[in-house]
């Protein structure tokens, strides 16, 4: 009998030992080559997956080739101050935030797509709707069209001079960021209906005030035709565009599985209910 009590006592002591009773967490190291400076070269595909060649000159190719800041670079807000939580991302895209609290979630997608079109000299394709439904193109702004707020509405007036400089283009984008958002971007998006059709440049979106949007910036494929994706976002306050960790599947993180028919998509900082994946109407 004494032996039985001794055994019970020993087990209680062992189980309440501060070291022995800790839960041991196991993680899979992310397959990242920190010596590389672009999305396609830094992020190595999970086992069994390979990079696909994106169409030359496409928005998809532009994104997978996008330059990154060095590893461990912090996410900063629009005032260049590192944000409080730095544990949700694995890389930061090498593109500025500007000095105003404007370039947030949907605006990050608008910024990247606009910069892509600018780099391609496809100036006539740069244009976006405001949440109010009004449309403002870069060419109109370049030619002097500006906005005036009257109560809760905005009207356009011609009061500027012709200016096709990049500095003026950035002023145009600030105006778009001010009046556009997830609601307008969602309306300008065409639903992606098949998983096999999801590609870099598409976005996962929930419209609202606030809503949210994350950007598909890369994809890899396995021999069975299954894809995995990298997702990027900005957030509130306006901050560096960053590539997200996968909080639900450490075995493939930072890669994500996406399903257009899923009831929800869980990302590092937001849960999309339902899953709505769209492509800007001007992108084929």
C-alpha atoms as a PDB file:
ATOM      1  CA  UNK A   1       0.000   0.000   0.000  1.00  0.00           C
ATOM      2  CA  UNK A   2       2.838   2.350   0.859  1.00  0.00           C
ATOM      3  CA  UNK A   3       4.367   1.725  -2.550  1.00  0.00           C
ATOM      4  CA  UNK A   4       1.084   2.766  -4.228  1.00  0.00           C
ATOM      5  CA  UNK A   5       0.928   6.067  -2.311  1.00  0.00           C
ATOM      6  CA  UNK A   6       4.566   6.716  -3.145  1.00  0.00           C
ATOM      7  CA  UNK A   7       3.875   6.155  -6.839  1.00  0.00           C
ATOM      8  CA  UNK A   8       0.917   8.549  -6.815  1.00  0.00           C
ATOM      9  CA  UNK A   9       2.965  11.169  -4.964  1.00  0.00           C
ATOM     10  CA  UNK A  10       5.824  10.806  -7.444  1.00  0.00           C
ATOM     11  CA  UNK A  11       3.456  11.229 -10.405  1.00  0.00           C
ATOM     12  CA  UNK A  12       1.904  14.377  -8.911  1.00  0.00           C
ATOM     13  CA  UNK A  13       5.331  15.882  -8.305  1.00  0.00           C
ATOM     14  CA  UNK A  14       6.414  15.020 -11.848  1.00  0.00           C
ATOM     15  CA  UNK A  15       3.308  16.439 -13.522  1.00  0.00           C
ATOM     16  CA  UNK A  16       3.500  19.730 -11.707  1.00  0.00           C
ATOM     17  CA  UNK A  17       7.181  20.159 -12.477  1.00  0.00           C
ATOM     18  CA  UNK A  18       7.428  23.442 -14.417  1.00  0.00           C
ATOM     19  CA  UNK A  19       9.592  21.963 -17.172  1.00  0.00           C
ATOM     20  CA  UNK A  20       8.328  18.414 -17.600  1.00  0.00           C
ATOM     21  CA  UNK A  21       4.674  19.403 -17.988  1.00  0.00           C
ATOM     22  CA  UNK A  22       5.155  22.013 -20.708  1.00  0.00           C
ATOM     23  CA  UNK A  23       3.531  21.257 -24.052  1.00  0.00           C
ATOM     24  CA  UNK A  24       6.223  20.790 -26.647  1.00  0.00           C
ATOM     25  CA  UNK A  25       5.307  22.620 -29.854  1.00  0.00           C
ATOM     26  CA  UNK A  26       6.767  21.457 -33.123  1.00  0.00           C
ATOM     27  CA  UNK A  27       6.953  23.680 -36.169  1.00  0.00           C
ATOM     28  CA  UNK A  28       8.097  23.176 -39.709  1.00  0.00           C
ATOM     29  CA  UNK A  29      10.792  25.651 -40.788  1.00  0.00           C
ATOM     30  CA  UNK A  30       9.672  27.894 -43.628  1.00  0.00           C
ATOM     31  CA  UNK A  31      11.391  27.301 -46.942  1.00  0.00           C
ATOM     32  CA  UNK A  32      12.835  30.781 -47.468  1.00  0.00           C
ATOM     33  CA  UNK A  33      16.122  31.829 -49.047  1.00  0.00           C
ATOM     34  CA  UNK A  34      16.915  35.010 -47.139  1.00  0.00           C
ATOM     35  CA  UNK A  35      19.779  35.864 -49.482  1.00  0.00           C
ATOM     36  CA  UNK A  36      17.311  36.621 -52.294  1.00  0.00           C
ATOM     37  CA  UNK A  37      15.515  39.917 -52.804  1.00  0.00           C
ATOM     38  CA  UNK A  38      12.424  39.130 -54.898  1.00  0.00           C
ATOM     39  CA  UNK A  39       9.267  37.158 -54.154  1.00  0.00           C
ATOM     40  CA  UNK A  40       9.929  34.434 -56.707  1.00  0.00           C
ATOM     41  CA  UNK A  41      13.495  33.800 -55.599  1.00  0.00           C
ATOM     42  CA  UNK A  42      13.137  34.230 -51.828  1.00  0.00           C
ATOM     43  CA  UNK A  43      10.131  31.949 -51.330  1.00  0.00           C
ATOM     44  CA  UNK A  44      10.891  28.373 -52.304  1.00  0.00           C
ATOM     45  CA  UNK A  45       7.862  26.177 -53.078  1.00  0.00           C
ATOM     46  CA  UNK A  46       6.850  23.505 -50.557  1.00  0.00           C
ATOM     47  CA  UNK A  47       7.888  19.957 -51.374  1.00  0.00           C
ATOM     48  CA  UNK A  48       6.168  18.683 -54.506  1.00  0.00           C
ATOM     49  CA  UNK A  49       5.350  22.168 -55.826  1.00  0.00           C
ATOM     50  CA  UNK A  50       7.073  24.252 -58.479  1.00  0.00           C
ATOM     51  CA  UNK A  51       6.834  27.799 -59.716  1.00  0.00           C
ATOM     52  CA  UNK A  52       4.833  28.331 -62.887  1.00  0.00           C
ATOM     53  CA  UNK A  53       6.003  30.778 -65.491  1.00  0.00           C
ATOM     54  CA  UNK A  54       3.620  33.735 -65.566  1.00  0.00           C
ATOM     55  CA  UNK A  55       2.747  35.392 -68.849  1.00  0.00           C
ATOM     56  CA  UNK A  56       5.500  37.770 -69.904  1.00  0.00           C
ATOM     57  CA  UNK A  57       4.621  41.384 -69.187  1.00  0.00           C
ATOM     58  CA  UNK A  58       1.536  40.467 -67.157  1.00  0.00           C
ATOM     59  CA  UNK A  59       0.487  41.850 -63.783  1.00  0.00           C
ATOM     60  CA  UNK A  60       1.088  38.354 -62.388  1.00  0.00           C
ATOM     61  CA  UNK A  61       4.708  38.400 -63.560  1.00  0.00           C
ATOM     62  CA  UNK A  62       5.139  41.903 -62.134  1.00  0.00           C
ATOM     63  CA  UNK A  63       4.011  40.708 -58.707  1.00  0.00           C
ATOM     64  CA  UNK A  64       6.014  37.484 -58.454  1.00  0.00           C
ATOM     65  CA  UNK A  65       9.122  39.463 -59.433  1.00  0.00           C
ATOM     66  CA  UNK A  66       8.459  42.254 -56.940  1.00  0.00           C
ATOM     67  CA  UNK A  67      11.492  43.348 -54.860  1.00  0.00           C
ATOM     68  CA  UNK A  68      11.548  42.829 -51.102  1.00  0.00           C
ATOM     69  CA  UNK A  69      13.254  44.588 -48.223  1.00  0.00           C
ATOM     70  CA  UNK A  70      15.968  42.593 -46.436  1.00  0.00           C
ATOM     71  CA  UNK A  71      14.831  39.827 -44.050  1.00  0.00           C
ATOM     72  CA  UNK A  72      13.578  40.968 -40.631  1.00  0.00           C
ATOM     73  CA  UNK A  73      12.675  44.394 -42.032  1.00  0.00           C
ATOM     74  CA  UNK A  74       9.807  45.702 -39.846  1.00  0.00           C
ATOM     75  CA  UNK A  75       6.390  46.784 -41.026  1.00  0.00           C
ATOM     76  CA  UNK A  76       6.199  50.564 -40.633  1.00  0.00           C
ATOM     77  CA  UNK A  77       3.203  52.840 -40.646  1.00  0.00           C
ATOM     78  CA  UNK A  78       2.812  55.965 -42.781  1.00  0.00           C
ATOM     79  CA  UNK A  79       4.896  57.912 -40.256  1.00  0.00           C
ATOM     80  CA  UNK A  80       7.787  55.441 -40.690  1.00  0.00           C
ATOM     81  CA  UNK A  81       7.212  54.059 -37.190  1.00  0.00           C
ATOM     82  CA  UNK A  82       7.291  50.242 -36.789  1.00  0.00           C
ATOM     83  CA  UNK A  83       3.833  48.899 -35.917  1.00  0.00           C
ATOM     84  CA  UNK A  84       3.355  47.119 -32.594  1.00  0.00           C
ATOM     85  CA  UNK A  85       2.852  43.536 -33.823  1.00  0.00           C
ATOM     86  CA  UNK A  86       5.598  42.203 -36.071  1.00  0.00           C
ATOM     87  CA  UNK A  87       4.743  38.494 -35.887  1.00  0.00           C
ATOM     88  CA  UNK A  88       2.223  38.129 -38.715  1.00  0.00           C
ATOM     89  CA  UNK A  89       4.449  38.698 -41.733  1.00  0.00           C
ATOM     90  CA  UNK A  90       7.415  37.040 -43.435  1.00  0.00           C
ATOM     91  CA  UNK A  91       8.530  39.814 -45.813  1.00  0.00           C
ATOM     92  CA  UNK A  92       7.894  43.452 -46.703  1.00  0.00           C
ATOM     93  CA  UNK A  93       7.476  44.658 -50.276  1.00  0.00           C
ATOM     94  CA  UNK A  94       9.929  47.345 -51.308  1.00  0.00           C
ATOM     95  CA  UNK A  95       7.441  50.113 -51.996  1.00  0.00           C
ATOM     96  CA  UNK A  96       6.715  53.217 -49.926  1.00  0.00           C
ATOM     97  CA  UNK A  97       3.542  53.931 -47.965  1.00  0.00           C
ATOM     98  CA  UNK A  98       3.530  57.700 -48.524  1.00  0.00           C
ATOM     99  CA  UNK A  99       3.186  60.177 -45.691  1.00  0.00           C
ATOM    100  CA  UNK A 100      -0.602  60.085 -45.161  1.00  0.00           C
ATOM    101  CA  UNK A 101      -2.872  57.497 -43.572  1.00  0.00           C
ATOM    102  CA  UNK A 102      -4.418  56.528 -46.898  1.00  0.00           C
ATOM    103  CA  UNK A 103      -2.744  53.483 -48.469  1.00  0.00           C
ATOM    104  CA  UNK A 104      -4.601  50.807 -46.548  1.00  0.00           C
ATOM    105  CA  UNK A 105      -6.007  47.438 -47.674  1.00  0.00           C
ATOM    106  CA  UNK A 106      -7.832  48.009 -50.988  1.00  0.00           C
ATOM    107  CA  UNK A 107      -5.537  50.950 -51.670  1.00  0.00           C
ATOM    108  CA  UNK A 108      -2.512  48.639 -51.548  1.00  0.00           C
ATOM    109  CA  UNK A 109      -3.956  46.643 -54.443  1.00  0.00           C
ATOM    110  CA  UNK A 110      -4.762  49.859 -56.340  1.00  0.00           C
ATOM    111  CA  UNK A 111      -1.204  51.112 -55.755  1.00  0.00           C
ATOM    112  CA  UNK A 112       0.428  47.939 -57.052  1.00  0.00           C
ATOM    113  CA  UNK A 113      -1.800  47.708 -60.127  1.00  0.00           C
ATOM    114  CA  UNK A 114      -1.370  51.405 -60.925  1.00  0.00           C
ATOM    115  CA  UNK A 115       2.409  51.171 -60.590  1.00  0.00           C
ATOM    116  CA  UNK A 116       2.356  48.141 -62.896  1.00  0.00           C
ATOM    117  CA  UNK A 117       0.376  50.024 -65.555  1.00  0.00           C
ATOM    118  CA  UNK A 118       2.665  53.052 -65.136  1.00  0.00           C
ATOM    119  CA  UNK A 119       5.740  50.867 -65.643  1.00  0.00           C
ATOM    120  CA  UNK A 120       4.151  49.501 -68.825  1.00  0.00           C
ATOM    121  CA  UNK A 121       3.310  53.044 -70.012  1.00  0.00           C
ATOM    122  CA  UNK A 122      -0.338  51.973 -70.249  1.00  0.00           C
ATOM    123  CA  UNK A 123      -1.479  55.314 -68.898  1.00  0.00           C
ATOM    124  CA  UNK A 124      -4.906  55.214 -70.521  1.00  0.00           C
ATOM    125  CA  UNK A 125      -5.852  52.125 -68.471  1.00  0.00           C
ATOM    126  CA  UNK A 126      -5.286  53.762 -65.085  1.00  0.00           C
ATOM    127  CA  UNK A 127      -8.660  54.684 -63.629  1.00  0.00           C
ATOM    128  CA  UNK A 128     -10.870  53.750 -60.687  1.00  0.00           C
ATOM    129  CA  UNK A 129     -14.351  54.310 -59.344  1.00  0.00           C
ATOM    130  CA  UNK A 130     -14.961  56.064 -56.053  1.00  0.00           C
ATOM    131  CA  UNK A 131     -17.262  54.512 -53.471  1.00  0.00           C
ATOM    132  CA  UNK A 132     -19.824  57.057 -54.664  1.00  0.00           C
ATOM    133  CA  UNK A 133     -19.713  55.461 -58.120  1.00  0.00           C
ATOM    134  CA  UNK A 134     -17.901  58.310 -59.857  1.00  0.00           C
ATOM    135  CA  UNK A 135     -14.941  57.421 -62.069  1.00  0.00           C
ATOM    136  CA  UNK A 136     -11.645  59.275 -62.237  1.00  0.00           C
ATOM    137  CA  UNK A 137      -8.913  58.311 -64.667  1.00  0.00           C
ATOM    138  CA  UNK A 138      -5.267  59.258 -64.487  1.00  0.00           C
ATOM    139  CA  UNK A 139      -5.563  60.967 -67.874  1.00  0.00           C
ATOM    140  CA  UNK A 140      -8.340  63.236 -66.577  1.00  0.00           C
ATOM    141  CA  UNK A 141      -6.341  64.142 -63.485  1.00  0.00           C
ATOM    142  CA  UNK A 142      -3.236  64.663 -65.646  1.00  0.00           C
ATOM    143  CA  UNK A 143      -5.262  67.107 -67.772  1.00  0.00           C
ATOM    144  CA  UNK A 144      -6.353  69.160 -64.758  1.00  0.00           C
ATOM    145  CA  UNK A 145      -9.570  67.579 -63.460  1.00  0.00           C
ATOM    146  CA  UNK A 146      -9.908  67.913 -59.688  1.00  0.00           C
ATOM    147  CA  UNK A 147     -12.549  67.198 -57.027  1.00  0.00           C
ATOM    148  CA  UNK A 148     -14.576  69.533 -54.854  1.00  0.00           C
ATOM    149  CA  UNK A 149     -16.553  68.285 -51.871  1.00  0.00           C
ATOM    150  CA  UNK A 150     -20.007  69.783 -51.505  1.00  0.00           C
ATOM    151  CA  UNK A 151     -21.718  68.375 -48.446  1.00  0.00           C
ATOM    152  CA  UNK A 152     -21.565  64.607 -48.765  1.00  0.00           C
ATOM    153  CA  UNK A 153     -20.991  64.558 -52.504  1.00  0.00           C
ATOM    154  CA  UNK A 154     -18.003  65.123 -54.744  1.00  0.00           C
ATOM    155  CA  UNK A 155     -18.023  66.887 -58.069  1.00  0.00           C
ATOM    156  CA  UNK A 156     -15.346  67.260 -60.714  1.00  0.00           C
ATOM    157  CA  UNK A 157     -14.006  70.602 -61.909  1.00  0.00           C
ATOM    158  CA  UNK A 158     -11.277  71.580 -64.349  1.00  0.00           C
ATOM    159  CA  UNK A 159      -8.908  73.782 -62.431  1.00  0.00           C
ATOM    160  CA  UNK A 160      -5.435  72.315 -62.854  1.00  0.00           C
ATOM    161  CA  UNK A 161      -2.855  72.462 -65.619  1.00  0.00           C
ATOM    162  CA  UNK A 162      -1.490  69.560 -67.644  1.00  0.00           C
ATOM    163  CA  UNK A 163       1.087  67.599 -65.655  1.00  0.00           C
ATOM    164  CA  UNK A 164       2.115  64.079 -66.621  1.00  0.00           C
ATOM    165  CA  UNK A 165       4.917  63.746 -64.040  1.00  0.00           C
ATOM    166  CA  UNK A 166       5.256  60.828 -61.661  1.00  0.00           C
ATOM    167  CA  UNK A 167       4.900  63.250 -58.725  1.00  0.00           C
ATOM    168  CA  UNK A 168       1.483  64.278 -60.048  1.00  0.00           C
ATOM    169  CA  UNK A 169       0.594  60.629 -60.594  1.00  0.00           C
ATOM    170  CA  UNK A 170       1.185  60.060 -56.869  1.00  0.00           C
ATOM    171  CA  UNK A 171      -1.170  62.957 -56.097  1.00  0.00           C
ATOM    172  CA  UNK A 172      -3.770  61.234 -58.258  1.00  0.00           C
ATOM    173  CA  UNK A 173      -3.354  58.018 -56.276  1.00  0.00           C
ATOM    174  CA  UNK A 174      -3.772  59.852 -52.964  1.00  0.00           C
ATOM    175  CA  UNK A 175      -7.084  61.190 -54.239  1.00  0.00           C
ATOM    176  CA  UNK A 176      -8.198  57.716 -55.318  1.00  0.00           C
ATOM    177  CA  UNK A 177      -7.190  56.266 -51.934  1.00  0.00           C
ATOM    178  CA  UNK A 178      -9.275  58.964 -50.240  1.00  0.00           C
ATOM    179  CA  UNK A 179     -12.482  58.224 -52.132  1.00  0.00           C
ATOM    180  CA  UNK A 180     -12.160  54.535 -53.103  1.00  0.00           C
ATOM    181  CA  UNK A 181     -12.007  51.445 -50.911  1.00  0.00           C
ATOM    182  CA  UNK A 182     -13.171  47.873 -50.508  1.00  0.00           C
ATOM    183  CA  UNK A 183     -16.741  48.733 -51.525  1.00  0.00           C
ATOM    184  CA  UNK A 184     -15.730  50.275 -54.854  1.00  0.00           C
ATOM    185  CA  UNK A 185     -12.988  47.700 -55.554  1.00  0.00           C
ATOM    186  CA  UNK A 186     -15.426  44.870 -54.873  1.00  0.00           C
ATOM    187  CA  UNK A 187     -17.859  46.337 -57.420  1.00  0.00           C
ATOM    188  CA  UNK A 188     -15.047  46.616 -59.983  1.00  0.00           C
ATOM    189  CA  UNK A 189     -14.064  42.998 -59.420  1.00  0.00           C
ATOM    190  CA  UNK A 190     -15.215  39.990 -61.417  1.00  0.00           C
ATOM    191  CA  UNK A 191     -15.662  36.772 -59.365  1.00  0.00           C
ATOM    192  CA  UNK A 192     -13.075  34.040 -59.907  1.00  0.00           C
ATOM    193  CA  UNK A 193     -15.274  30.940 -60.092  1.00  0.00           C
ATOM    194  CA  UNK A 194     -12.747  28.103 -60.325  1.00  0.00           C
ATOM    195  CA  UNK A 195      -9.806  27.365 -58.033  1.00  0.00           C
ATOM    196  CA  UNK A 196      -7.628  26.572 -61.028  1.00  0.00           C
ATOM    197  CA  UNK A 197      -8.169  30.117 -62.335  1.00  0.00           C
ATOM    198  CA  UNK A 198      -6.836  31.959 -59.249  1.00  0.00           C
ATOM    199  CA  UNK A 199      -3.633  33.796 -60.120  1.00  0.00           C
ATOM    200  CA  UNK A 200      -1.359  36.576 -58.834  1.00  0.00           C
ATOM    201  CA  UNK A 201      -3.164  39.899 -59.058  1.00  0.00           C
ATOM    202  CA  UNK A 202      -6.483  38.526 -57.823  1.00  0.00           C
ATOM    203  CA  UNK A 203      -7.736  39.595 -54.410  1.00  0.00           C
ATOM    204  CA  UNK A 204      -9.745  38.132 -51.530  1.00  0.00           C
ATOM    205  CA  UNK A 205     -12.210  40.768 -50.397  1.00  0.00           C
ATOM    206  CA  UNK A 206     -15.006  41.593 -47.991  1.00  0.00           C
ATOM    207  CA  UNK A 207     -16.498  45.011 -48.793  1.00  0.00           C
ATOM    208  CA  UNK A 208     -17.522  47.330 -45.995  1.00  0.00           C
ATOM    209  CA  UNK A 209     -16.656  50.264 -43.790  1.00  0.00           C
ATOM    210  CA  UNK A 210     -14.383  48.809 -42.735  1.00  0.00           C
ATOM    211  CA  UNK A 211     -13.961  45.786 -44.969  1.00  0.00           C
ATOM    212  CA  UNK A 212     -10.707  44.139 -45.906  1.00  0.00           C
ATOM    213  CA  UNK A 213      -8.735  42.892 -48.876  1.00  0.00           C
ATOM    214  CA  UNK A 214      -5.640  40.724 -49.328  1.00  0.00           C
ATOM    215  CA  UNK A 215      -3.704  40.343 -52.576  1.00  0.00           C
ATOM    216  CA  UNK A 216      -2.587  37.119 -54.222  1.00  0.00           C
ATOM    217  CA  UNK A 217       1.059  37.856 -55.082  1.00  0.00           C
ATOM    218  CA  UNK A 218       2.364  34.398 -56.069  1.00  0.00           C
ATOM    219  CA  UNK A 219       1.331  30.819 -56.807  1.00  0.00           C
ATOM    220  CA  UNK A 220       3.000  27.429 -57.156  1.00  0.00           C
ATOM    221  CA  UNK A 221       1.624  24.163 -58.552  1.00  0.00           C
ATOM    222  CA  UNK A 222       2.056  20.440 -57.970  1.00  0.00           C
ATOM    223  CA  UNK A 223       1.777  17.652 -60.580  1.00  0.00           C
ATOM    224  CA  UNK A 224      -1.848  16.985 -59.568  1.00  0.00           C
ATOM    225  CA  UNK A 225      -2.803  20.534 -60.543  1.00  0.00           C
ATOM    226  CA  UNK A 226      -3.202  21.861 -57.000  1.00  0.00           C
ATOM    227  CA  UNK A 227      -2.062  25.428 -56.266  1.00  0.00           C
ATOM    228  CA  UNK A 228      -0.708  27.215 -53.212  1.00  0.00           C
ATOM    229  CA  UNK A 229      -0.546  30.999 -52.898  1.00  0.00           C
ATOM    230  CA  UNK A 230       1.262  33.837 -51.137  1.00  0.00           C
ATOM    231  CA  UNK A 231      -0.950  36.624 -49.796  1.00  0.00           C
ATOM    232  CA  UNK A 232      -0.015  40.248 -49.108  1.00  0.00           C
ATOM    233  CA  UNK A 233      -1.814  43.160 -47.522  1.00  0.00           C
ATOM    234  CA  UNK A 234      -1.691  46.598 -46.018  1.00  0.00           C
ATOM    235  CA  UNK A 235      -3.782  47.375 -42.957  1.00  0.00           C
ATOM    236  CA  UNK A 236      -4.948  50.179 -40.677  1.00  0.00           C
ATOM    237  CA  UNK A 237      -3.220  52.496 -40.115  1.00  0.00           C
ATOM    238  CA  UNK A 238      -1.656  52.696 -43.581  1.00  0.00           C
ATOM    239  CA  UNK A 239       1.493  50.585 -43.495  1.00  0.00           C
ATOM    240  CA  UNK A 240       4.054  48.717 -45.561  1.00  0.00           C
ATOM    241  CA  UNK A 241       2.611  46.084 -47.860  1.00  0.00           C
ATOM    242  CA  UNK A 242       3.696  42.768 -46.378  1.00  0.00           C
ATOM    243  CA  UNK A 243       3.459  39.028 -47.111  1.00  0.00           C
ATOM    244  CA  UNK A 244       1.493  37.114 -44.512  1.00  0.00           C
ATOM    245  CA  UNK A 245       2.292  34.008 -42.500  1.00  0.00           C
ATOM    246  CA  UNK A 246      -0.241  31.186 -42.576  1.00  0.00           C
ATOM    247  CA  UNK A 247      -1.586  30.848 -39.001  1.00  0.00           C
ATOM    248  CA  UNK A 248      -3.582  27.665 -39.625  1.00  0.00           C
ATOM    249  CA  UNK A 249      -1.098  25.447 -41.468  1.00  0.00           C
ATOM    250  CA  UNK A 250       2.526  25.706 -40.355  1.00  0.00           C
ATOM    251  CA  UNK A 251       3.509  22.831 -42.656  1.00  0.00           C
ATOM    252  CA  UNK A 252       3.083  25.049 -45.732  1.00  0.00           C
ATOM    253  CA  UNK A 253       3.357  28.559 -44.210  1.00  0.00           C
ATOM    254  CA  UNK A 254       3.650  31.197 -45.566  1.00  0.00           C
ATOM    255  CA  UNK A 255       1.776  29.567 -48.450  1.00  0.00           C
ATOM    256  CA  UNK A 256      -2.024  29.362 -48.385  1.00  0.00           C
ATOM    257  CA  UNK A 257      -4.610  27.068 -49.862  1.00  0.00           C
ATOM    258  CA  UNK A 258      -7.527  28.973 -51.404  1.00  0.00           C
ATOM    259  CA  UNK A 259     -10.972  27.673 -52.262  1.00  0.00           C
ATOM    260  CA  UNK A 260     -13.554  29.865 -53.985  1.00  0.00           C
ATOM    261  CA  UNK A 261     -16.312  27.736 -52.426  1.00  0.00           C
ATOM    262  CA  UNK A 262     -15.051  27.888 -48.848  1.00  0.00           C
ATOM    263  CA  UNK A 263     -17.303  29.437 -46.215  1.00  0.00           C
ATOM    264  CA  UNK A 264     -14.313  31.305 -44.819  1.00  0.00           C
ATOM    265  CA  UNK A 265     -10.645  32.028 -45.421  1.00  0.00           C
ATOM    266  CA  UNK A 266      -8.512  32.570 -42.324  1.00  0.00           C
ATOM    267  CA  UNK A 267      -5.469  34.798 -42.777  1.00  0.00           C
ATOM    268  CA  UNK A 268      -2.943  36.030 -40.244  1.00  0.00           C
ATOM    269  CA  UNK A 269      -4.961  39.099 -39.247  1.00  0.00           C
ATOM    270  CA  UNK A 270      -8.442  38.704 -40.734  1.00  0.00           C
ATOM    271  CA  UNK A 271     -11.109  36.079 -41.390  1.00  0.00           C
ATOM    272  CA  UNK A 272     -12.959  36.458 -44.683  1.00  0.00           C
ATOM    273  CA  UNK A 273     -16.582  35.309 -44.452  1.00  0.00           C
ATOM    274  CA  UNK A 274     -17.557  34.263 -47.041  1.00  0.00           C
ATOM    275  CA  UNK A 275     -14.573  33.621 -49.313  1.00  0.00           C
ATOM    276  CA  UNK A 276     -14.863  36.028 -52.222  1.00  0.00           C
ATOM    277  CA  UNK A 277     -11.982  36.009 -54.698  1.00  0.00           C
ATOM    278  CA  UNK A 278     -12.129  38.539 -57.481  1.00  0.00           C
ATOM    279  CA  UNK A 279     -10.169  39.939 -60.412  1.00  0.00           C
ATOM    280  CA  UNK A 280     -10.221  43.562 -61.515  1.00  0.00           C
ATOM    281  CA  UNK A 281     -12.503  43.873 -64.540  1.00  0.00           C
ATOM    282  CA  UNK A 282      -9.713  45.270 -66.724  1.00  0.00           C
ATOM    283  CA  UNK A 283      -7.405  42.263 -66.233  1.00  0.00           C
ATOM    284  CA  UNK A 284      -7.822  39.283 -68.509  1.00  0.00           C
END
